[in-house]
Amino acid sequence: MENLPVPEFLQPYMPLIVGAVTALVIFIIGIIVAGWVHSLVARGLSKRQVEPSLVGFLASLARWLVLAAAVITALERVGLQTTSLIALLGSAGIAIGLALQGNLSHFASGVMILLFRPFKVGDYIGAAGKEGNVKAIGLFTTTLLTLDNETVIVPNGAATGSVMTNYTVSGSRRAHIAVGVAYGSKVPEVIAVLKKATERCELAMKTPAPVIAFVGLGASSLDFLVLAHCDPAVYADMLHQVRTAVYEELAVAGIEIPFAQIVVHQNA
């Protein structure tokens, strides 16, 4: 610059012009670097099979951090004091954080869900007192579709802040089907009939095999429990199939299913 002739009227403004040009160059380089960082973070997280929604958020966050650093550096080159600006932004961030602390809690829970994957889209879960198939996982909420075709929006903080049950992750779900038969029925015969009923059910898994247990002496019945595994996606259908088979096989075997009765005695 010293070898170039500079008009006298521009000489007082040369430091400002040089600073402005330098700031512009820094800002342009910052935009380019921010794009590189965004792509690098997105590719790195995708290779680790992180959820796409979290990948997009973290990649965008990295890009904006680079851009913020470029802007602050550029402002310093034109002679602006950025210390006060940084302090002001910090104070504003704290105030916003306090005002939105509930939403930030849901956001933090959403990040935990996307990172540690206690469940994924398609799983059938129970969380915050609700059950359903996971349709979407966001940074603030998780969307469930119940068996009644109701869409339920569960805040992520509520999902991670209570007991959560994933019925899908193990690959099978076990049903507990209670069966009561009349007193006087032979226990081995009942067990054989219940076993035959489960064997004719296509939706009940053969491995692990269904379990039949004599579990108690009820007020008016001998109580049995049928434990059968199935694919979580056909749980309701399997319950229907097994109960239907149990009823039919007990009827064929002549084993009575008791029902509540009221005996009224009338004095003469």
C-alpha atoms as a PDB file:
ATOM      1  CA  MET A   1       0.000   0.000   0.000  1.00  0.00           C
ATOM      2  CA  GLU A   2       2.902   2.362   0.715  1.00  0.00           C
ATOM      3  CA  ASN A   3       4.064   2.236  -2.967  1.00  0.00           C
ATOM      4  CA  LEU A   4       0.639   3.172  -4.334  1.00  0.00           C
ATOM      5  CA  PRO A   5      -0.202   6.847  -4.720  1.00  0.00           C
ATOM      6  CA  VAL A   6      -3.063   7.772  -2.447  1.00  0.00           C
ATOM      7  CA  PRO A   7      -5.051  10.964  -2.973  1.00  0.00           C
ATOM      8  CA  GLU A   8      -4.590  13.401  -0.122  1.00  0.00           C
ATOM      9  CA  PHE A   9      -8.329  13.517   0.675  1.00  0.00           C
ATOM     10  CA  LEU A  10      -8.311   9.753   1.271  1.00  0.00           C
ATOM     11  CA  GLN A  11      -5.227   9.628   3.473  1.00  0.00           C
ATOM     12  CA  PRO A  12      -7.068  10.422   6.733  1.00  0.00           C
ATOM     13  CA  TYR A  13      -9.514   7.600   5.979  1.00  0.00           C
ATOM     14  CA  MET A  14      -6.968   4.994   4.924  1.00  0.00           C
ATOM     15  CA  PRO A  15      -6.881   3.135   8.274  1.00  0.00           C
ATOM     16  CA  LEU A  16     -10.656   2.861   8.210  1.00  0.00           C
ATOM     17  CA  ILE A  17     -10.689   1.719   4.557  1.00  0.00           C
ATOM     18  CA  VAL A  18      -7.980  -0.865   5.187  1.00  0.00           C
ATOM     19  CA  GLY A  19      -9.840  -2.076   8.259  1.00  0.00           C
ATOM     20  CA  ALA A  20     -13.117  -2.315   6.332  1.00  0.00           C
ATOM     21  CA  VAL A  21     -11.508  -4.256   3.477  1.00  0.00           C
ATOM     22  CA  THR A  22      -9.803  -6.578   5.978  1.00  0.00           C
ATOM     23  CA  ALA A  23     -13.094  -7.069   7.816  1.00  0.00           C
ATOM     24  CA  LEU A  24     -14.860  -7.902   4.546  1.00  0.00           C
ATOM     25  CA  VAL A  25     -12.171 -10.451   3.668  1.00  0.00           C
ATOM     26  CA  ILE A  26     -12.426 -11.994   7.150  1.00  0.00           C
ATOM     27  CA  PHE A  27     -16.220 -12.207   6.843  1.00  0.00           C
ATOM     28  CA  ILE A  28     -16.037 -13.854   3.408  1.00  0.00           C
ATOM     29  CA  ILE A  29     -13.452 -16.351   4.665  1.00  0.00           C
ATOM     30  CA  GLY A  30     -15.677 -16.975   7.690  1.00  0.00           C
ATOM     31  CA  ILE A  31     -18.633 -17.820   5.418  1.00  0.00           C
ATOM     32  CA  ILE A  32     -16.494 -20.273   3.435  1.00  0.00           C
ATOM     33  CA  VAL A  33     -15.037 -21.895   6.557  1.00  0.00           C
ATOM     34  CA  ALA A  34     -18.505 -22.098   8.149  1.00  0.00           C
ATOM     35  CA  GLY A  35     -19.740 -24.040   5.110  1.00  0.00           C
ATOM     36  CA  TRP A  36     -16.789 -26.428   5.375  1.00  0.00           C
ATOM     37  CA  VAL A  37     -17.370 -26.927   9.101  1.00  0.00           C
ATOM     38  CA  HIS A  38     -21.088 -27.581   8.525  1.00  0.00           C
ATOM     39  CA  SER A  39     -20.336 -30.277   5.942  1.00  0.00           C
ATOM     40  CA  LEU A  40     -17.543 -31.807   8.039  1.00  0.00           C
ATOM     41  CA  VAL A  41     -19.704 -32.072  11.183  1.00  0.00           C
ATOM     42  CA  ALA A  42     -22.674 -33.431   9.218  1.00  0.00           C
ATOM     43  CA  ARG A  43     -20.561 -36.123   7.529  1.00  0.00           C
ATOM     44  CA  GLY A  44     -18.821 -37.094  10.760  1.00  0.00           C
ATOM     45  CA  LEU A  45     -22.054 -37.462  12.722  1.00  0.00           C
ATOM     46  CA  SER A  46     -23.803 -39.287   9.886  1.00  0.00           C
ATOM     47  CA  LYS A  47     -21.000 -41.866   9.789  1.00  0.00           C
ATOM     48  CA  ARG A  48     -21.639 -42.467  13.499  1.00  0.00           C
ATOM     49  CA  GLN A  49     -25.328 -43.033  12.665  1.00  0.00           C
ATOM     50  CA  VAL A  50     -26.549 -40.120  14.787  1.00  0.00           C
ATOM     51  CA  GLU A  51     -30.238 -39.250  14.285  1.00  0.00           C
ATOM     52  CA  PRO A  52     -30.688 -36.929  11.240  1.00  0.00           C
ATOM     53  CA  SER A  53     -32.517 -34.253  13.257  1.00  0.00           C
ATOM     54  CA  LEU A  54     -29.612 -34.012  15.716  1.00  0.00           C
ATOM     55  CA  VAL A  55     -27.084 -34.055  12.868  1.00  0.00           C
ATOM     56  CA  GLY A  56     -28.782 -31.066  11.257  1.00  0.00           C
ATOM     57  CA  PHE A  57     -28.946 -29.146  14.527  1.00  0.00           C
ATOM     58  CA  LEU A  58     -25.311 -29.717  15.548  1.00  0.00           C
ATOM     59  CA  ALA A  59     -24.014 -28.997  12.048  1.00  0.00           C
ATOM     60  CA  SER A  60     -25.989 -25.732  11.937  1.00  0.00           C
ATOM     61  CA  LEU A  61     -24.798 -24.821  15.435  1.00  0.00           C
ATOM     62  CA  ALA A  62     -21.163 -25.330  14.388  1.00  0.00           C
ATOM     63  CA  ARG A  63     -21.712 -23.147  11.306  1.00  0.00           C
ATOM     64  CA  TRP A  64     -23.274 -20.316  13.305  1.00  0.00           C
ATOM     65  CA  LEU A  65     -20.477 -20.410  15.887  1.00  0.00           C
ATOM     66  CA  VAL A  66     -17.893 -19.986  13.118  1.00  0.00           C
ATOM     67  CA  LEU A  67     -19.908 -17.142  11.589  1.00  0.00           C
ATOM     68  CA  ALA A  68     -20.242 -15.430  14.985  1.00  0.00           C
ATOM     69  CA  ALA A  69     -16.483 -15.630  15.513  1.00  0.00           C
ATOM     70  CA  ALA A  70     -15.918 -14.198  12.008  1.00  0.00           C
ATOM     71  CA  VAL A  71     -18.306 -11.306  12.636  1.00  0.00           C
ATOM     72  CA  ILE A  72     -16.709 -10.429  15.980  1.00  0.00           C
ATOM     73  CA  THR A  73     -13.233 -10.549  14.457  1.00  0.00           C
ATOM     74  CA  ALA A  74     -14.374  -8.401  11.516  1.00  0.00           C
ATOM     75  CA  LEU A  75     -15.895  -5.802  13.840  1.00  0.00           C
ATOM     76  CA  GLU A  76     -12.644  -5.597  15.766  1.00  0.00           C
ATOM     77  CA  ARG A  77     -10.759  -4.887  12.527  1.00  0.00           C
ATOM     78  CA  VAL A  78     -12.880  -1.784  11.851  1.00  0.00           C
ATOM     79  CA  GLY A  79     -12.133  -0.496  15.354  1.00  0.00           C
ATOM     80  CA  LEU A  80     -15.343  -1.408  17.150  1.00  0.00           C
ATOM     81  CA  GLN A  81     -15.048  -2.557  20.748  1.00  0.00           C
ATOM     82  CA  THR A  82     -16.619  -6.010  20.906  1.00  0.00           C
ATOM     83  CA  THR A  83     -16.061  -6.646  24.613  1.00  0.00           C
ATOM     84  CA  SER A  84     -19.237  -4.826  25.559  1.00  0.00           C
ATOM     85  CA  LEU A  85     -21.116  -6.530  22.718  1.00  0.00           C
ATOM     86  CA  ILE A  86     -19.997  -9.978  23.909  1.00  0.00           C
ATOM     87  CA  ALA A  87     -20.974  -9.125  27.499  1.00  0.00           C
ATOM     88  CA  LEU A  88     -24.378  -7.899  26.286  1.00  0.00           C
ATOM     89  CA  LEU A  89     -24.953 -11.057  24.254  1.00  0.00           C
ATOM     90  CA  GLY A  90     -23.925 -13.153  27.243  1.00  0.00           C
ATOM     91  CA  SER A  91     -26.368 -11.343  29.527  1.00  0.00           C
ATOM     92  CA  ALA A  92     -29.120 -11.695  26.929  1.00  0.00           C
ATOM     93  CA  GLY A  93     -28.344 -15.410  26.641  1.00  0.00           C
ATOM     94  CA  ILE A  94     -28.667 -15.861  30.411  1.00  0.00           C
ATOM     95  CA  ALA A  95     -31.962 -13.967  30.493  1.00  0.00           C
ATOM     96  CA  ILE A  96     -33.356 -15.988  27.600  1.00  0.00           C
ATOM     97  CA  GLY A  97     -32.141 -19.208  29.231  1.00  0.00           C
ATOM     98  CA  LEU A  98     -33.943 -18.378  32.482  1.00  0.00           C
ATOM     99  CA  ALA A  99     -37.118 -17.470  30.625  1.00  0.00           C
ATOM    100  CA  LEU A 100     -37.043 -20.667  28.573  1.00  0.00           C
ATOM    101  CA  GLN A 101     -35.596 -23.042  31.152  1.00  0.00           C
ATOM    102  CA  GLY A 102     -38.550 -25.440  30.771  1.00  0.00           C
ATOM    103  CA  ASN A 103     -38.077 -25.634  27.003  1.00  0.00           C
ATOM    104  CA  LEU A 104     -34.310 -25.941  27.441  1.00  0.00           C
ATOM    105  CA  SER A 105     -34.928 -28.929  29.712  1.00  0.00           C
ATOM    106  CA  HIS A 106     -36.981 -30.556  26.942  1.00  0.00           C
ATOM    107  CA  PHE A 107     -34.254 -29.674  24.455  1.00  0.00           C
ATOM    108  CA  ALA A 108     -31.539 -31.260  26.608  1.00  0.00           C
ATOM    109  CA  SER A 109     -33.700 -34.364  26.996  1.00  0.00           C
ATOM    110  CA  GLY A 110     -34.216 -34.475  23.228  1.00  0.00           C
ATOM    111  CA  VAL A 111     -30.460 -34.394  22.659  1.00  0.00           C
ATOM    112  CA  MET A 112     -30.042 -37.247  25.171  1.00  0.00           C
ATOM    113  CA  ILE A 113     -32.727 -39.308  23.425  1.00  0.00           C
ATOM    114  CA  LEU A 114     -31.155 -38.765  20.009  1.00  0.00           C
ATOM    115  CA  LEU A 115     -27.652 -39.543  21.282  1.00  0.00           C
ATOM    116  CA  PHE A 116     -28.305 -42.540  23.556  1.00  0.00           C
ATOM    117  CA  ARG A 117     -31.330 -43.909  21.642  1.00  0.00           C
ATOM    118  CA  PRO A 118     -33.482 -45.490  24.355  1.00  0.00           C
ATOM    119  CA  PHE A 119     -36.023 -45.776  21.544  1.00  0.00           C
ATOM    120  CA  LYS A 120     -36.249 -45.021  17.842  1.00  0.00           C
ATOM    121  CA  VAL A 121     -38.935 -44.229  15.290  1.00  0.00           C
ATOM    122  CA  GLY A 122     -41.206 -47.270  14.901  1.00  0.00           C
ATOM    123  CA  ASP A 123     -40.738 -48.609  18.446  1.00  0.00           C
ATOM    124  CA  TYR A 124     -43.755 -49.172  20.680  1.00  0.00           C
ATOM    125  CA  ILE A 125     -43.051 -47.464  24.003  1.00  0.00           C
ATOM    126  CA  GLY A 126     -44.659 -46.322  27.220  1.00  0.00           C
ATOM    127  CA  ALA A 127     -43.589 -42.895  28.489  1.00  0.00           C
ATOM    128  CA  ALA A 128     -45.128 -40.184  30.670  1.00  0.00           C
ATOM    129  CA  GLY A 129     -48.207 -42.349  31.199  1.00  0.00           C
ATOM    130  CA  LYS A 130     -48.830 -42.806  27.463  1.00  0.00           C
ATOM    131  CA  GLU A 131     -48.256 -45.756  25.120  1.00  0.00           C
ATOM    132  CA  GLY A 132     -47.918 -45.842  21.358  1.00  0.00           C
ATOM    133  CA  ASN A 133     -45.712 -46.271  18.306  1.00  0.00           C
ATOM    134  CA  VAL A 134     -43.029 -43.602  17.961  1.00  0.00           C
ATOM    135  CA  LYS A 135     -43.786 -41.588  14.814  1.00  0.00           C
ATOM    136  CA  ALA A 136     -41.252 -38.771  15.228  1.00  0.00           C
ATOM    137  CA  ILE A 137     -38.479 -37.711  17.608  1.00  0.00           C
ATOM    138  CA  GLY A 138     -37.784 -33.991  17.772  1.00  0.00           C
ATOM    139  CA  LEU A 139     -35.452 -31.886  19.855  1.00  0.00           C
ATOM    140  CA  PHE A 140     -38.324 -30.789  22.124  1.00  0.00           C
ATOM    141  CA  THR A 141     -41.072 -33.407  21.776  1.00  0.00           C
ATOM    142  CA  THR A 142     -41.692 -37.029  20.807  1.00  0.00           C
ATOM    143  CA  THR A 143     -44.810 -37.942  18.810  1.00  0.00           C
ATOM    144  CA  LEU A 144     -46.657 -41.193  19.573  1.00  0.00           C
ATOM    145  CA  LEU A 145     -49.498 -42.864  17.691  1.00  0.00           C
ATOM    146  CA  THR A 146     -51.657 -44.876  20.100  1.00  0.00           C
ATOM    147  CA  LEU A 147     -53.560 -48.073  19.295  1.00  0.00           C
ATOM    148  CA  ASP A 148     -56.708 -45.904  19.159  1.00  0.00           C
ATOM    149  CA  ASN A 149     -55.096 -43.895  16.320  1.00  0.00           C
ATOM    150  CA  GLU A 150     -54.601 -40.865  18.574  1.00  0.00           C
ATOM    151  CA  THR A 151     -51.563 -38.669  18.047  1.00  0.00           C
ATOM    152  CA  VAL A 152     -49.935 -37.847  21.388  1.00  0.00           C
ATOM    153  CA  ILE A 153     -47.212 -35.206  21.748  1.00  0.00           C
ATOM    154  CA  VAL A 154     -44.963 -36.015  24.726  1.00  0.00           C
ATOM    155  CA  PRO A 155     -42.461 -33.355  25.911  1.00  0.00           C
ATOM    156  CA  ASN A 156     -39.011 -34.924  25.940  1.00  0.00           C
ATOM    157  CA  GLY A 157     -38.409 -33.779  29.512  1.00  0.00           C
ATOM    158  CA  ALA A 158     -41.474 -35.732  30.634  1.00  0.00           C
ATOM    159  CA  ALA A 159     -40.332 -38.800  28.667  1.00  0.00           C
ATOM    160  CA  THR A 160     -36.855 -38.931  30.207  1.00  0.00           C
ATOM    161  CA  GLY A 161     -37.982 -37.731  33.626  1.00  0.00           C
ATOM    162  CA  SER A 162     -40.168 -40.776  34.291  1.00  0.00           C
ATOM    163  CA  VAL A 163     -40.006 -44.536  33.862  1.00  0.00           C
ATOM    164  CA  MET A 164     -39.851 -45.379  30.159  1.00  0.00           C
ATOM    165  CA  THR A 165     -40.735 -48.802  28.718  1.00  0.00           C
ATOM    166  CA  ASN A 166     -39.621 -49.947  25.276  1.00  0.00           C
ATOM    167  CA  TYR A 167     -41.711 -52.949  24.196  1.00  0.00           C
ATOM    168  CA  THR A 168     -39.916 -53.372  20.870  1.00  0.00           C
ATOM    169  CA  VAL A 169     -36.180 -53.246  21.530  1.00  0.00           C
ATOM    170  CA  SER A 170     -35.871 -56.858  22.780  1.00  0.00           C
ATOM    171  CA  GLY A 171     -37.432 -58.213  19.573  1.00  0.00           C
ATOM    172  CA  SER A 172     -40.428 -59.878  21.240  1.00  0.00           C
ATOM    173  CA  ARG A 173     -43.180 -59.093  23.718  1.00  0.00           C
ATOM    174  CA  ARG A 174     -44.680 -61.519  26.217  1.00  0.00           C
ATOM    175  CA  ALA A 175     -48.412 -61.578  26.892  1.00  0.00           C
ATOM    176  CA  HIS A 176     -49.953 -62.612  30.224  1.00  0.00           C
ATOM    177  CA  ILE A 177     -53.340 -64.254  29.624  1.00  0.00           C
ATOM    178  CA  ALA A 178     -55.309 -65.236  32.732  1.00  0.00           C
ATOM    179  CA  VAL A 179     -57.587 -68.259  32.522  1.00  0.00           C
ATOM    180  CA  GLY A 180     -59.970 -69.517  35.219  1.00  0.00           C
ATOM    181  CA  VAL A 181     -61.608 -72.964  35.229  1.00  0.00           C
ATOM    182  CA  ALA A 182     -64.140 -74.533  37.557  1.00  0.00           C
ATOM    183  CA  TYR A 183     -63.167 -76.348  40.722  1.00  0.00           C
ATOM    184  CA  GLY A 184     -63.083 -80.086  40.108  1.00  0.00           C
ATOM    185  CA  SER A 185     -61.142 -79.727  36.859  1.00  0.00           C
ATOM    186  CA  LYS A 186     -57.977 -81.815  36.626  1.00  0.00           C
ATOM    187  CA  VAL A 187     -54.886 -79.574  36.613  1.00  0.00           C
ATOM    188  CA  PRO A 188     -52.776 -81.736  34.214  1.00  0.00           C
ATOM    189  CA  GLU A 189     -55.691 -81.922  31.782  1.00  0.00           C
ATOM    190  CA  VAL A 190     -56.197 -78.148  31.872  1.00  0.00           C
ATOM    191  CA  ILE A 191     -52.499 -77.534  31.271  1.00  0.00           C
ATOM    192  CA  ALA A 192     -52.539 -79.914  28.294  1.00  0.00           C
ATOM    193  CA  VAL A 193     -55.582 -78.184  26.791  1.00  0.00           C
ATOM    194  CA  LEU A 194     -54.059 -74.703  27.242  1.00  0.00           C
ATOM    195  CA  LYS A 195     -50.808 -75.903  25.681  1.00  0.00           C
ATOM    196  CA  LYS A 196     -52.721 -77.292  22.703  1.00  0.00           C
ATOM    197  CA  ALA A 197     -54.512 -73.951  22.332  1.00  0.00           C
ATOM    198  CA  THR A 198     -51.260 -71.993  22.184  1.00  0.00           C
ATOM    199  CA  GLU A 199     -49.701 -74.440  19.719  1.00  0.00           C
ATOM    200  CA  ARG A 200     -52.437 -73.744  17.155  1.00  0.00           C
ATOM    201  CA  CYS A 201     -51.812 -69.987  17.310  1.00  0.00           C
ATOM    202  CA  GLU A 202     -49.547 -68.890  14.451  1.00  0.00           C
ATOM    203  CA  LEU A 203     -48.759 -65.520  16.009  1.00  0.00           C
ATOM    204  CA  ALA A 204     -47.429 -67.044  19.255  1.00  0.00           C
ATOM    205  CA  MET A 205     -43.695 -67.686  18.978  1.00  0.00           C
ATOM    206  CA  LYS A 206     -42.422 -71.243  19.270  1.00  0.00           C
ATOM    207  CA  THR A 207     -39.105 -70.006  20.665  1.00  0.00           C
ATOM    208  CA  PRO A 208     -39.265 -69.110  23.451  1.00  0.00           C
ATOM    209  CA  ALA A 209     -42.078 -71.594  23.901  1.00  0.00           C
ATOM    210  CA  PRO A 210     -45.330 -70.598  25.635  1.00  0.00           C
ATOM    211  CA  VAL A 211     -45.484 -71.332  29.358  1.00  0.00           C
ATOM    212  CA  ILE A 212     -48.594 -72.574  31.182  1.00  0.00           C
ATOM    213  CA  ALA A 213     -48.657 -72.105  34.958  1.00  0.00           C
ATOM    214  CA  PHE A 214     -51.167 -72.955  37.688  1.00  0.00           C
ATOM    215  CA  VAL A 215     -51.008 -69.749  39.705  1.00  0.00           C
ATOM    216  CA  GLY A 216     -53.704 -69.834  42.355  1.00  0.00           C
ATOM    217  CA  LEU A 217     -56.910 -70.941  44.017  1.00  0.00           C
ATOM    218  CA  GLY A 218     -59.462 -68.240  43.348  1.00  0.00           C
ATOM    219  CA  ALA A 219     -62.770 -67.609  45.081  1.00  0.00           C
ATOM    220  CA  SER A 220     -64.662 -69.514  42.392  1.00  0.00           C
ATOM    221  CA  SER A 221     -62.000 -70.853  40.016  1.00  0.00           C
ATOM    222  CA  LEU A 222     -58.669 -72.542  39.561  1.00  0.00           C
ATOM    223  CA  ASP A 223     -56.461 -69.828  38.115  1.00  0.00           C
ATOM    224  CA  PHE A 224     -53.970 -70.438  35.310  1.00  0.00           C
ATOM    225  CA  LEU A 225     -51.644 -68.105  33.411  1.00  0.00           C
ATOM    226  CA  VAL A 226     -50.662 -68.459  29.773  1.00  0.00           C
ATOM    227  CA  LEU A 227     -47.369 -66.723  28.935  1.00  0.00           C
ATOM    228  CA  ALA A 228     -46.713 -66.395  25.209  1.00  0.00           C
ATOM    229  CA  HIS A 229     -44.193 -64.361  23.195  1.00  0.00           C
ATOM    230  CA  CYS A 230     -44.916 -62.632  19.899  1.00  0.00           C
ATOM    231  CA  ASP A 231     -43.643 -59.955  17.558  1.00  0.00           C
ATOM    232  CA  PRO A 232     -44.459 -56.585  19.195  1.00  0.00           C
ATOM    233  CA  ALA A 233     -46.217 -55.447  16.012  1.00  0.00           C
ATOM    234  CA  VAL A 234     -48.885 -58.180  16.327  1.00  0.00           C
ATOM    235  CA  TYR A 235     -49.360 -58.097  20.108  1.00  0.00           C
ATOM    236  CA  ALA A 236     -53.080 -57.250  20.067  1.00  0.00           C
ATOM    237  CA  ASP A 237     -53.774 -59.782  17.295  1.00  0.00           C
ATOM    238  CA  MET A 238     -51.909 -62.483  19.203  1.00  0.00           C
ATOM    239  CA  LEU A 239     -53.953 -61.828  22.357  1.00  0.00           C
ATOM    240  CA  HIS A 240     -57.154 -62.224  20.368  1.00  0.00           C
ATOM    241  CA  GLN A 241     -55.899 -65.396  18.700  1.00  0.00           C
ATOM    242  CA  VAL A 242     -54.768 -67.074  21.927  1.00  0.00           C
ATOM    243  CA  ARG A 243     -57.909 -66.171  23.886  1.00  0.00           C
ATOM    244  CA  THR A 244     -60.119 -67.479  21.085  1.00  0.00           C
ATOM    245  CA  ALA A 245     -58.153 -70.736  20.900  1.00  0.00           C
ATOM    246  CA  VAL A 246     -58.253 -71.175  24.700  1.00  0.00           C
ATOM    247  CA  TYR A 247     -62.031 -70.707  24.809  1.00  0.00           C
ATOM    248  CA  GLU A 248     -62.617 -73.135  21.960  1.00  0.00           C
ATOM    249  CA  GLU A 249     -60.270 -75.841  23.274  1.00  0.00           C
ATOM    250  CA  LEU A 250     -61.745 -75.666  26.780  1.00  0.00           C
ATOM    251  CA  ALA A 251     -65.228 -76.065  25.294  1.00  0.00           C
ATOM    252  CA  VAL A 252     -64.136 -79.075  23.230  1.00  0.00           C
ATOM    253  CA  ALA A 253     -62.548 -80.686  26.310  1.00  0.00           C
ATOM    254  CA  GLY A 254     -65.684 -80.057  28.373  1.00  0.00           C
ATOM    255  CA  ILE A 255     -63.832 -77.960  30.934  1.00  0.00           C
ATOM    256  CA  GLU A 256     -66.127 -75.382  32.492  1.00  0.00           C
ATOM    257  CA  ILE A 257     -65.259 -71.715  32.722  1.00  0.00           C
ATOM    258  CA  PRO A 258     -66.968 -70.461  35.908  1.00  0.00           C
ATOM    259  CA  PHE A 259     -68.858 -67.199  36.148  1.00  0.00           C
ATOM    260  CA  ALA A 260     -70.000 -65.140  39.079  1.00  0.00           C
ATOM    261  CA  GLN A 261     -73.240 -66.322  40.657  1.00  0.00           C
ATOM    262  CA  ILE A 262     -75.459 -64.939  43.382  1.00  0.00           C
ATOM    263  CA  VAL A 263     -77.292 -67.453  45.552  1.00  0.00           C
ATOM    264  CA  VAL A 264     -80.409 -66.080  47.243  1.00  0.00           C
ATOM    265  CA  HIS A 265     -81.853 -68.001  50.202  1.00  0.00           C
ATOM    266  CA  GLN A 266     -85.477 -67.331  51.033  1.00  0.00           C
ATOM    267  CA  ASN A 267     -86.767 -68.286  54.453  1.00  0.00           C
ATOM    268  CA  ALA A 268     -90.108 -70.008  54.498  1.00  0.00           C
END
